[in-house]
Amino acid sequence: MRSIQHQVQLASIQIAFLDERQLLRYFAAHGVHTKHEAACLLAREFPEVAWQLPPHPRKPWEPEHWRMPAFDALMLAVIYLGPRTSQSKIKDIA
């Protein structure tokens, strides 16, 4: 992590860190308790990525679906940037 921070500083790029607690608190406030539920919420909010939604929640013994990292990135973006519109189903809780 320090190496990344150093390279970012050298390139004069701004970075932000989000705590896992922020992520959990944000989605819990929307009644979301699993990663798949969060992905479903985001798919409703962003229909352009709905086709990438994994077909079902994974079982504990199954590996994560290969499309899930796209929703991880979207989760972080929504938390960092805030809701998409004033009519958003996802409300800013900050």
PDB file of N, CA and C in Angstrom:
ATOM      1  N   MET A   1       0.832  -1.180   0.000  1.00  0.00           N
ATOM      2  CA  MET A   1       0.000   0.000   0.000  1.00  0.00           C
ATOM      3  C   MET A   1       0.883   1.253   0.000  1.00  0.00           C
ATOM      4  N   ARG A   2       1.947   1.218   0.752  1.00  0.00           N
ATOM      5  CA  ARG A   2       2.828   2.391   0.798  1.00  0.00           C
ATOM      6  C   ARG A   2       3.467   2.666  -0.553  1.00  0.00           C
ATOM      7  N   SER A   3       3.797   1.602  -1.272  1.00  0.00           N
ATOM      8  CA  SER A   3       4.380   1.768  -2.594  1.00  0.00           C
ATOM      9  C   SER A   3       3.384   2.446  -3.544  1.00  0.00           C
ATOM     10  N   ILE A   4       2.130   2.036  -3.450  1.00  0.00           N
ATOM     11  CA  ILE A   4       1.093   2.651  -4.284  1.00  0.00           C
ATOM     12  C   ILE A   4       0.932   4.117  -3.915  1.00  0.00           C
ATOM     13  N   GLN A   5       0.874   4.395  -2.617  1.00  0.00           N
ATOM     14  CA  GLN A   5       0.746   5.784  -2.162  1.00  0.00           C
ATOM     15  C   GLN A   5       1.908   6.621  -2.664  1.00  0.00           C
ATOM     16  N   HIS A   6       3.103   6.065  -2.617  1.00  0.00           N
ATOM     17  CA  HIS A   6       4.295   6.790  -3.075  1.00  0.00           C
ATOM     18  C   HIS A   6       4.205   7.096  -4.566  1.00  0.00           C
ATOM     19  N   GLN A   7       3.830   6.106  -5.370  1.00  0.00           N
ATOM     20  CA  GLN A   7       3.721   6.302  -6.811  1.00  0.00           C
ATOM     21  C   GLN A   7       2.634   7.326  -7.153  1.00  0.00           C
ATOM     22  N   VAL A   8       1.548   7.287  -6.413  1.00  0.00           N
ATOM     23  CA  VAL A   8       0.447   8.228  -6.628  1.00  0.00           C
ATOM     24  C   VAL A   8       0.905   9.652  -6.307  1.00  0.00           C
ATOM     25  N   GLN A   9       1.636   9.802  -5.226  1.00  0.00           N
ATOM     26  CA  GLN A   9       2.144  11.129  -4.860  1.00  0.00           C
ATOM     27  C   GLN A   9       3.110  11.647  -5.918  1.00  0.00           C
ATOM     28  N   LEU A  10       3.956  10.774  -6.437  1.00  0.00           N
ATOM     29  CA  LEU A  10       4.897  11.188  -7.481  1.00  0.00           C
ATOM     30  C   LEU A  10       4.162  11.671  -8.730  1.00  0.00           C
ATOM     31  N   ALA A  11       3.024  11.058  -9.021  1.00  0.00           N
ATOM     32  CA  ALA A  11       2.249  11.419 -10.208  1.00  0.00           C
ATOM     33  C   ALA A  11       1.237  12.533  -9.927  1.00  0.00           C
ATOM     34  N   SER A  12       1.214  13.037  -8.697  1.00  0.00           N
ATOM     35  CA  SER A  12       0.279  14.095  -8.287  1.00  0.00           C
ATOM     36  C   SER A  12      -1.186  13.706  -8.522  1.00  0.00           C
ATOM     37  N   ILE A  13      -1.506  12.486  -8.179  1.00  0.00           N
ATOM     38  CA  ILE A  13      -2.871  11.984  -8.307  1.00  0.00           C
ATOM     39  C   ILE A  13      -3.499  11.968  -6.922  1.00  0.00           C
ATOM     40  N   GLN A  14      -4.730  12.459  -6.835  1.00  0.00           N
ATOM     41  CA  GLN A  14      -5.429  12.418  -5.560  1.00  0.00           C
ATOM     42  C   GLN A  14      -6.055  11.044  -5.367  1.00  0.00           C
ATOM     43  N   ILE A  15      -5.968  10.533  -4.138  1.00  0.00           N
ATOM     44  CA  ILE A  15      -6.607   9.262  -3.828  1.00  0.00           C
ATOM     45  C   ILE A  15      -7.458   9.436  -2.578  1.00  0.00           C
ATOM     46  N   ALA A  16      -8.404   8.546  -2.424  1.00  0.00           N
ATOM     47  CA  ALA A  16      -9.254   8.548  -1.239  1.00  0.00           C
ATOM     48  C   ALA A  16      -9.345   7.108  -0.733  1.00  0.00           C
ATOM     49  N   PHE A  17      -9.406   6.961   0.560  1.00  0.00           N
ATOM     50  CA  PHE A  17      -9.530   5.648   1.165  1.00  0.00           C
ATOM     51  C   PHE A  17     -10.918   5.528   1.779  1.00  0.00           C
ATOM     52  N   LEU A  18     -11.560   4.422   1.523  1.00  0.00           N
ATOM     53  CA  LEU A  18     -12.856   4.135   2.120  1.00  0.00           C
ATOM     54  C   LEU A  18     -12.692   2.959   3.066  1.00  0.00           C
ATOM     55  N   ASP A  19     -13.202   3.120   4.242  1.00  0.00           N
ATOM     56  CA  ASP A  19     -13.139   2.085   5.251  1.00  0.00           C
ATOM     57  C   ASP A  19     -14.228   1.052   4.985  1.00  0.00           C
ATOM     58  N   GLU A  20     -13.937  -0.202   5.246  1.00  0.00           N
ATOM     59  CA  GLU A  20     -14.938  -1.254   5.046  1.00  0.00           C
ATOM     60  C   GLU A  20     -16.192  -0.989   5.876  1.00  0.00           C
ATOM     61  N   ARG A  21     -16.037  -0.385   7.041  1.00  0.00           N
ATOM     62  CA  ARG A  21     -17.202  -0.057   7.878  1.00  0.00           C
ATOM     63  C   ARG A  21     -18.113   0.934   7.170  1.00  0.00           C
ATOM     64  N   GLN A  22     -17.540   1.891   6.435  1.00  0.00           N
ATOM     65  CA  GLN A  22     -18.345   2.842   5.673  1.00  0.00           C
ATOM     66  C   GLN A  22     -19.189   2.103   4.634  1.00  0.00           C
ATOM     67  N   LEU A  23     -18.569   1.167   3.956  1.00  0.00           N
ATOM     68  CA  LEU A  23     -19.258   0.376   2.942  1.00  0.00           C
ATOM     69  C   LEU A  23     -20.414  -0.404   3.561  1.00  0.00           C
ATOM     70  N   LEU A  24     -20.147  -1.106   4.654  1.00  0.00           N
ATOM     71  CA  LEU A  24     -21.184  -1.900   5.304  1.00  0.00           C
ATOM     72  C   LEU A  24     -22.309  -1.023   5.851  1.00  0.00           C
ATOM     73  N   ARG A  25     -21.951   0.095   6.460  1.00  0.00           N
ATOM     74  CA  ARG A  25     -22.951   1.005   7.019  1.00  0.00           C
ATOM     75  C   ARG A  25     -23.820   1.603   5.914  1.00  0.00           C
ATOM     76  N   TYR A  26     -23.202   1.979   4.829  1.00  0.00           N
ATOM     77  CA  TYR A  26     -23.926   2.580   3.707  1.00  0.00           C
ATOM     78  C   TYR A  26     -24.985   1.623   3.165  1.00  0.00           C
ATOM     79  N   PHE A  27     -24.582   0.394   2.871  1.00  0.00           N
ATOM     80  CA  PHE A  27     -25.522  -0.544   2.287  1.00  0.00           C
ATOM     81  C   PHE A  27     -26.503  -1.093   3.322  1.00  0.00           C
ATOM     82  N   ALA A  28     -26.109  -1.223   4.567  1.00  0.00           N
ATOM     83  CA  ALA A  28     -27.049  -1.658   5.609  1.00  0.00           C
ATOM     84  C   ALA A  28     -28.178  -0.643   5.755  1.00  0.00           C
ATOM     85  N   ALA A  29     -27.884   0.627   5.576  1.00  0.00           N
ATOM     86  CA  ALA A  29     -28.904   1.675   5.653  1.00  0.00           C
ATOM     87  C   ALA A  29     -29.932   1.528   4.529  1.00  0.00           C
ATOM     88  N   HIS A  30     -29.580   0.785   3.488  1.00  0.00           N
ATOM     89  CA  HIS A  30     -30.489   0.541   2.368  1.00  0.00           C
ATOM     90  C   HIS A  30     -31.093  -0.859   2.442  1.00  0.00           C
ATOM     91  N   GLY A  31     -30.946  -1.521   3.594  1.00  0.00           N
ATOM     92  CA  GLY A  31     -31.515  -2.854   3.765  1.00  0.00           C
ATOM     93  C   GLY A  31     -30.750  -3.944   3.051  1.00  0.00           C
ATOM     94  N   VAL A  32     -29.507  -3.672   2.712  1.00  0.00           N
ATOM     95  CA  VAL A  32     -28.675  -4.621   1.975  1.00  0.00           C
ATOM     96  C   VAL A  32     -27.681  -5.257   2.933  1.00  0.00           C
ATOM     97  N   HIS A  33     -27.645  -6.599   2.917  1.00  0.00           N
ATOM     98  CA  HIS A  33     -26.766  -7.291   3.860  1.00  0.00           C
ATOM     99  C   HIS A  33     -25.774  -8.235   3.184  1.00  0.00           C
ATOM    100  N   THR A  34     -25.950  -8.480   1.893  1.00  0.00           N
ATOM    101  CA  THR A  34     -25.010  -9.337   1.179  1.00  0.00           C
ATOM    102  C   THR A  34     -24.499  -8.601  -0.055  1.00  0.00           C
ATOM    103  N   LYS A  35     -23.400  -9.097  -0.564  1.00  0.00           N
ATOM    104  CA  LYS A  35     -22.817  -8.505  -1.763  1.00  0.00           C
ATOM    105  C   LYS A  35     -23.764  -8.645  -2.959  1.00  0.00           C
ATOM    106  N   HIS A  36     -24.445  -9.770  -3.048  1.00  0.00           N
ATOM    107  CA  HIS A  36     -25.373  -9.971  -4.155  1.00  0.00           C
ATOM    108  C   HIS A  36     -26.555  -9.013  -4.052  1.00  0.00           C
ATOM    109  N   GLU A  37     -27.054  -8.776  -2.844  1.00  0.00           N
ATOM    110  CA  GLU A  37     -28.137  -7.803  -2.657  1.00  0.00           C
ATOM    111  C   GLU A  37     -27.678  -6.398  -3.075  1.00  0.00           C
ATOM    112  N   ALA A  38     -26.428  -6.057  -2.733  1.00  0.00           N
ATOM    113  CA  ALA A  38     -25.887  -4.753  -3.133  1.00  0.00           C
ATOM    114  C   ALA A  38     -25.791  -4.672  -4.653  1.00  0.00           C
ATOM    115  N   ALA A  39     -25.356  -5.760  -5.287  1.00  0.00           N
ATOM    116  CA  ALA A  39     -25.252  -5.783  -6.747  1.00  0.00           C
ATOM    117  C   ALA A  39     -26.640  -5.640  -7.385  1.00  0.00           C
ATOM    118  N   CYS A  40     -27.659  -6.276  -6.790  1.00  0.00           N
ATOM    119  CA  CYS A  40     -29.026  -6.152  -7.317  1.00  0.00           C
ATOM    120  C   CYS A  40     -29.520  -4.713  -7.197  1.00  0.00           C
ATOM    121  N   LEU A  41     -29.249  -4.075  -6.074  1.00  0.00           N
ATOM    122  CA  LEU A  41     -29.630  -2.674  -5.879  1.00  0.00           C
ATOM    123  C   LEU A  41     -28.956  -1.791  -6.930  1.00  0.00           C
ATOM    124  N   LEU A  42     -27.682  -2.019  -7.157  1.00  0.00           N
ATOM    125  CA  LEU A  42     -26.949  -1.231  -8.150  1.00  0.00           C
ATOM    126  C   LEU A  42     -27.442  -1.517  -9.570  1.00  0.00           C
ATOM    127  N   ALA A  43     -27.814  -2.756  -9.840  1.00  0.00           N
ATOM    128  CA  ALA A  43     -28.325  -3.099 -11.169  1.00  0.00           C
ATOM    129  C   ALA A  43     -29.649  -2.393 -11.444  1.00  0.00           C
ATOM    130  N   ARG A  44     -30.472  -2.203 -10.400  1.00  0.00           N
ATOM    131  CA  ARG A  44     -31.722  -1.451 -10.584  1.00  0.00           C
ATOM    132  C   ARG A  44     -31.428   0.029 -10.801  1.00  0.00           C
ATOM    133  N   GLU A  45     -30.432   0.536 -10.119  1.00  0.00           N
ATOM    134  CA  GLU A  45     -30.083   1.951 -10.229  1.00  0.00           C
ATOM    135  C   GLU A  45     -29.348   2.258 -11.538  1.00  0.00           C
ATOM    136  N   PHE A  46     -28.544   1.320 -11.988  1.00  0.00           N
ATOM    137  CA  PHE A  46     -27.738   1.485 -13.197  1.00  0.00           C
ATOM    138  C   PHE A  46     -28.106   0.376 -14.192  1.00  0.00           C
ATOM    139  N   PRO A  47     -29.222   0.525 -14.908  1.00  0.00           N
ATOM    140  CA  PRO A  47     -29.675  -0.545 -15.806  1.00  0.00           C
ATOM    141  C   PRO A  47     -28.660  -0.927 -16.880  1.00  0.00           C
ATOM    142  N   GLU A  48     -27.743  -0.020 -17.183  1.00  0.00           N
ATOM    143  CA  GLU A  48     -26.757  -0.341 -18.214  1.00  0.00           C
ATOM    144  C   GLU A  48     -25.798  -1.458 -17.799  1.00  0.00           C
ATOM    145  N   VAL A  49     -25.711  -1.770 -16.506  1.00  0.00           N
ATOM    146  CA  VAL A  49     -24.858  -2.874 -16.053  1.00  0.00           C
ATOM    147  C   VAL A  49     -25.671  -4.057 -15.540  1.00  0.00           C
ATOM    148  N   ALA A  50     -26.983  -3.961 -15.607  1.00  0.00           N
ATOM    149  CA  ALA A  50     -27.845  -5.025 -15.072  1.00  0.00           C
ATOM    150  C   ALA A  50     -27.564  -6.373 -15.740  1.00  0.00           C
ATOM    151  N   TRP A  51     -27.204  -6.358 -17.006  1.00  0.00           N
ATOM    152  CA  TRP A  51     -26.932  -7.607 -17.715  1.00  0.00           C
ATOM    153  C   TRP A  51     -25.742  -8.350 -17.135  1.00  0.00           C
ATOM    154  N   GLN A  52     -24.888  -7.646 -16.389  1.00  0.00           N
ATOM    155  CA  GLN A  52     -23.716  -8.285 -15.796  1.00  0.00           C
ATOM    156  C   GLN A  52     -24.001  -8.898 -14.433  1.00  0.00           C
ATOM    157  N   LEU A  53     -25.198  -8.681 -13.911  1.00  0.00           N
ATOM    158  CA  LEU A  53     -25.542  -9.210 -12.592  1.00  0.00           C
ATOM    159  C   LEU A  53     -25.441 -10.731 -12.593  1.00  0.00           C
ATOM    160  N   PRO A  54     -24.676 -11.295 -11.676  1.00  0.00           N
ATOM    161  CA  PRO A  54     -24.621 -12.762 -11.595  1.00  0.00           C
ATOM    162  C   PRO A  54     -26.026 -13.327 -11.379  1.00  0.00           C
ATOM    163  N   PRO A  55     -26.325 -14.476 -11.955  1.00  0.00           N
ATOM    164  CA  PRO A  55     -27.688 -14.997 -11.968  1.00  0.00           C
ATOM    165  C   PRO A  55     -28.269 -15.343 -10.598  1.00  0.00           C
ATOM    166  N   HIS A  56     -27.433 -15.671  -9.651  1.00  0.00           N
ATOM    167  CA  HIS A  56     -27.917 -16.033  -8.317  1.00  0.00           C
ATOM    168  C   HIS A  56     -26.832 -15.765  -7.288  1.00  0.00           C
ATOM    169  N   PRO A  57     -27.224 -15.612  -6.022  1.00  0.00           N
ATOM    170  CA  PRO A  57     -26.199 -15.441  -4.981  1.00  0.00           C
ATOM    171  C   PRO A  57     -25.337 -16.702  -4.910  1.00  0.00           C
ATOM    172  N   ARG A  58     -24.080 -16.521  -4.640  1.00  0.00           N
ATOM    173  CA  ARG A  58     -23.202 -17.688  -4.573  1.00  0.00           C
ATOM    174  C   ARG A  58     -23.413 -18.426  -3.262  1.00  0.00           C
ATOM    175  N   LYS A  59     -23.189 -19.694  -3.296  1.00  0.00           N
ATOM    176  CA  LYS A  59     -23.208 -20.515  -2.086  1.00  0.00           C
ATOM    177  C   LYS A  59     -21.859 -20.332  -1.386  1.00  0.00           C
ATOM    178  N   PRO A  60     -21.810 -20.532  -0.084  1.00  0.00           N
ATOM    179  CA  PRO A  60     -20.534 -20.308   0.636  1.00  0.00           C
ATOM    180  C   PRO A  60     -19.361 -21.103   0.072  1.00  0.00           C
ATOM    181  N   TRP A  61     -19.614 -22.247  -0.522  1.00  0.00           N
ATOM    182  CA  TRP A  61     -18.532 -23.072  -1.047  1.00  0.00           C
ATOM    183  C   TRP A  61     -18.184 -22.754  -2.503  1.00  0.00           C
ATOM    184  N   GLU A  62     -18.941 -21.871  -3.122  1.00  0.00           N
ATOM    185  CA  GLU A  62     -18.689 -21.516  -4.516  1.00  0.00           C
ATOM    186  C   GLU A  62     -17.744 -20.315  -4.599  1.00  0.00           C
ATOM    187  N   PRO A  63     -16.944 -20.257  -5.657  1.00  0.00           N
ATOM    188  CA  PRO A  63     -16.108 -19.061  -5.852  1.00  0.00           C
ATOM    189  C   PRO A  63     -16.981 -17.874  -6.280  1.00  0.00           C
ATOM    190  N   GLU A  64     -16.460 -16.693  -6.072  1.00  0.00           N
ATOM    191  CA  GLU A  64     -17.198 -15.501  -6.492  1.00  0.00           C
ATOM    192  C   GLU A  64     -17.317 -15.485  -8.016  1.00  0.00           C
ATOM    193  N   HIS A  65     -18.473 -15.048  -8.493  1.00  0.00           N
ATOM    194  CA  HIS A  65     -18.707 -14.954  -9.942  1.00  0.00           C
ATOM    195  C   HIS A  65     -17.713 -13.961 -10.543  1.00  0.00           C
ATOM    196  N   TRP A  66     -17.249 -14.247 -11.755  1.00  0.00           N
ATOM    197  CA  TRP A  66     -16.220 -13.411 -12.374  1.00  0.00           C
ATOM    198  C   TRP A  66     -16.697 -12.004 -12.682  1.00  0.00           C
ATOM    199  N   ARG A  67     -18.006 -11.752 -12.695  1.00  0.00           N
ATOM    200  CA  ARG A  67     -18.517 -10.406 -12.974  1.00  0.00           C
ATOM    201  C   ARG A  67     -18.624  -9.537 -11.711  1.00  0.00           C
ATOM    202  N   MET A  68     -18.500 -10.143 -10.546  1.00  0.00           N
ATOM    203  CA  MET A  68     -18.730  -9.413  -9.305  1.00  0.00           C
ATOM    204  C   MET A  68     -17.747  -8.253  -9.077  1.00  0.00           C
ATOM    205  N   PRO A  69     -16.488  -8.335  -9.482  1.00  0.00           N
ATOM    206  CA  PRO A  69     -15.591  -7.187  -9.285  1.00  0.00           C
ATOM    207  C   PRO A  69     -16.075  -5.891  -9.940  1.00  0.00           C
ATOM    208  N   ALA A  70     -16.830  -5.995 -11.036  1.00  0.00           N
ATOM    209  CA  ALA A  70     -17.393  -4.785 -11.656  1.00  0.00           C
ATOM    210  C   ALA A  70     -18.364  -4.113 -10.689  1.00  0.00           C
ATOM    211  N   PHE A  71     -19.144  -4.912  -9.957  1.00  0.00           N
ATOM    212  CA  PHE A  71     -20.078  -4.360  -8.985  1.00  0.00           C
ATOM    213  C   PHE A  71     -19.346  -3.852  -7.745  1.00  0.00           C
ATOM    214  N   ASP A  72     -18.220  -4.490  -7.398  1.00  0.00           N
ATOM    215  CA  ASP A  72     -17.395  -3.972  -6.296  1.00  0.00           C
ATOM    216  C   ASP A  72     -16.941  -2.549  -6.611  1.00  0.00           C
ATOM    217  N   ALA A  73     -16.469  -2.345  -7.833  1.00  0.00           N
ATOM    218  CA  ALA A  73     -16.009  -1.016  -8.251  1.00  0.00           C
ATOM    219  C   ALA A  73     -17.159  -0.019  -8.246  1.00  0.00           C
ATOM    220  N   LEU A  74     -18.320  -0.450  -8.705  1.00  0.00           N
ATOM    221  CA  LEU A  74     -19.485   0.427  -8.727  1.00  0.00           C
ATOM    222  C   LEU A  74     -19.933   0.774  -7.312  1.00  0.00           C
ATOM    223  N   MET A  75     -19.855  -0.192  -6.395  1.00  0.00           N
ATOM    224  CA  MET A  75     -20.197   0.073  -4.988  1.00  0.00           C
ATOM    225  C   MET A  75     -19.310   1.182  -4.423  1.00  0.00           C
ATOM    226  N   LEU A  76     -18.029   1.077  -4.677  1.00  0.00           N
ATOM    227  CA  LEU A  76     -17.094   2.090  -4.179  1.00  0.00           C
ATOM    228  C   LEU A  76     -17.370   3.451  -4.807  1.00  0.00           C
ATOM    229  N   ALA A  77     -17.644   3.464  -6.094  1.00  0.00           N
ATOM    230  CA  ALA A  77     -17.921   4.731  -6.776  1.00  0.00           C
ATOM    231  C   ALA A  77     -19.171   5.393  -6.213  1.00  0.00           C
ATOM    232  N   VAL A  78     -20.218   4.615  -5.974  1.00  0.00           N
ATOM    233  CA  VAL A  78     -21.464   5.173  -5.448  1.00  0.00           C
ATOM    234  C   VAL A  78     -21.245   5.743  -4.051  1.00  0.00           C
ATOM    235  N   ILE A  79     -20.479   5.035  -3.238  1.00  0.00           N
ATOM    236  CA  ILE A  79     -20.223   5.528  -1.884  1.00  0.00           C
ATOM    237  C   ILE A  79     -19.372   6.787  -1.928  1.00  0.00           C
ATOM    238  N   TYR A  80     -18.371   6.801  -2.765  1.00  0.00           N
ATOM    239  CA  TYR A  80     -17.466   7.951  -2.830  1.00  0.00           C
ATOM    240  C   TYR A  80     -18.116   9.167  -3.501  1.00  0.00           C
ATOM    241  N   LEU A  81     -18.809   8.942  -4.626  1.00  0.00           N
ATOM    242  CA  LEU A  81     -19.365  10.053  -5.399  1.00  0.00           C
ATOM    243  C   LEU A  81     -20.780  10.445  -4.987  1.00  0.00           C
ATOM    244  N   GLY A  82     -21.502   9.536  -4.338  1.00  0.00           N
ATOM    245  CA  GLY A  82     -22.867   9.817  -3.931  1.00  0.00           C
ATOM    246  C   GLY A  82     -23.859   9.284  -4.934  1.00  0.00           C
ATOM    247  N   PRO A  83     -25.156   9.463  -4.654  1.00  0.00           N
ATOM    248  CA  PRO A  83     -26.190   8.925  -5.536  1.00  0.00           C
ATOM    249  C   PRO A  83     -26.166   9.579  -6.904  1.00  0.00           C
ATOM    250  N   ARG A  84     -26.720   8.887  -7.870  1.00  0.00           N
ATOM    251  CA  ARG A  84     -26.688   9.311  -9.280  1.00  0.00           C
ATOM    252  C   ARG A  84     -27.570  10.525  -9.552  1.00  0.00           C
ATOM    253  N   THR A  85     -28.797  10.522  -9.065  1.00  0.00           N
ATOM    254  CA  THR A  85     -29.732  11.625  -9.303  1.00  0.00           C
ATOM    255  C   THR A  85     -30.549  11.868  -8.043  1.00  0.00           C
ATOM    256  N   SER A  86     -31.328  12.925  -8.037  1.00  0.00           N
ATOM    257  CA  SER A  86     -32.181  13.196  -6.889  1.00  0.00           C
ATOM    258  C   SER A  86     -33.305  12.165  -6.795  1.00  0.00           C
ATOM    259  N   GLN A  87     -33.629  11.491  -7.894  1.00  0.00           N
ATOM    260  CA  GLN A  87     -34.661  10.447  -7.874  1.00  0.00           C
ATOM    261  C   GLN A  87     -34.063   9.074  -7.617  1.00  0.00           C
ATOM    262  N   SER A  88     -32.810   9.030  -7.260  1.00  0.00           N
ATOM    263  CA  SER A  88     -32.104   7.767  -7.067  1.00  0.00           C
ATOM    264  C   SER A  88     -32.749   6.921  -5.983  1.00  0.00           C
ATOM    265  N   LYS A  89     -32.750   5.616  -6.209  1.00  0.00           N
ATOM    266  CA  LYS A  89     -33.192   4.686  -5.178  1.00  0.00           C
ATOM    267  C   LYS A  89     -32.145   4.602  -4.080  1.00  0.00           C
ATOM    268  N   ILE A  90     -30.926   4.950  -4.426  1.00  0.00           N
ATOM    269  CA  ILE A  90     -29.824   4.912  -3.478  1.00  0.00           C
ATOM    270  C   ILE A  90     -29.626   6.326  -2.962  1.00  0.00           C
ATOM    271  N   LYS A  91     -29.865   6.548  -1.706  1.00  0.00           N
ATOM    272  CA  LYS A  91     -29.760   7.878  -1.115  1.00  0.00           C
ATOM    273  C   LYS A  91     -28.430   8.045  -0.397  1.00  0.00           C
ATOM    274  N   ASP A  92     -27.913   9.226  -0.445  1.00  0.00           N
ATOM    275  CA  ASP A  92     -26.679   9.554   0.251  1.00  0.00           C
ATOM    276  C   ASP A  92     -26.960   9.591   1.735  1.00  0.00           C
ATOM    277  N   ILE A  93     -26.149   8.875   2.518  1.00  0.00           N
ATOM    278  CA  ILE A  93     -26.375   8.850   3.961  1.00  0.00           C
ATOM    279  C   ILE A  93     -25.269   9.591   4.709  1.00  0.00           C
ATOM    280  N   ALA A  94     -24.379  10.226   3.983  1.00  0.00           N
ATOM    281  CA  ALA A  94     -23.253  10.899   4.628  1.00  0.00           C
ATOM    282  C   ALA A  94     -23.695  12.099   5.427  1.00  0.00           C
TER     283      ALA A  94
END
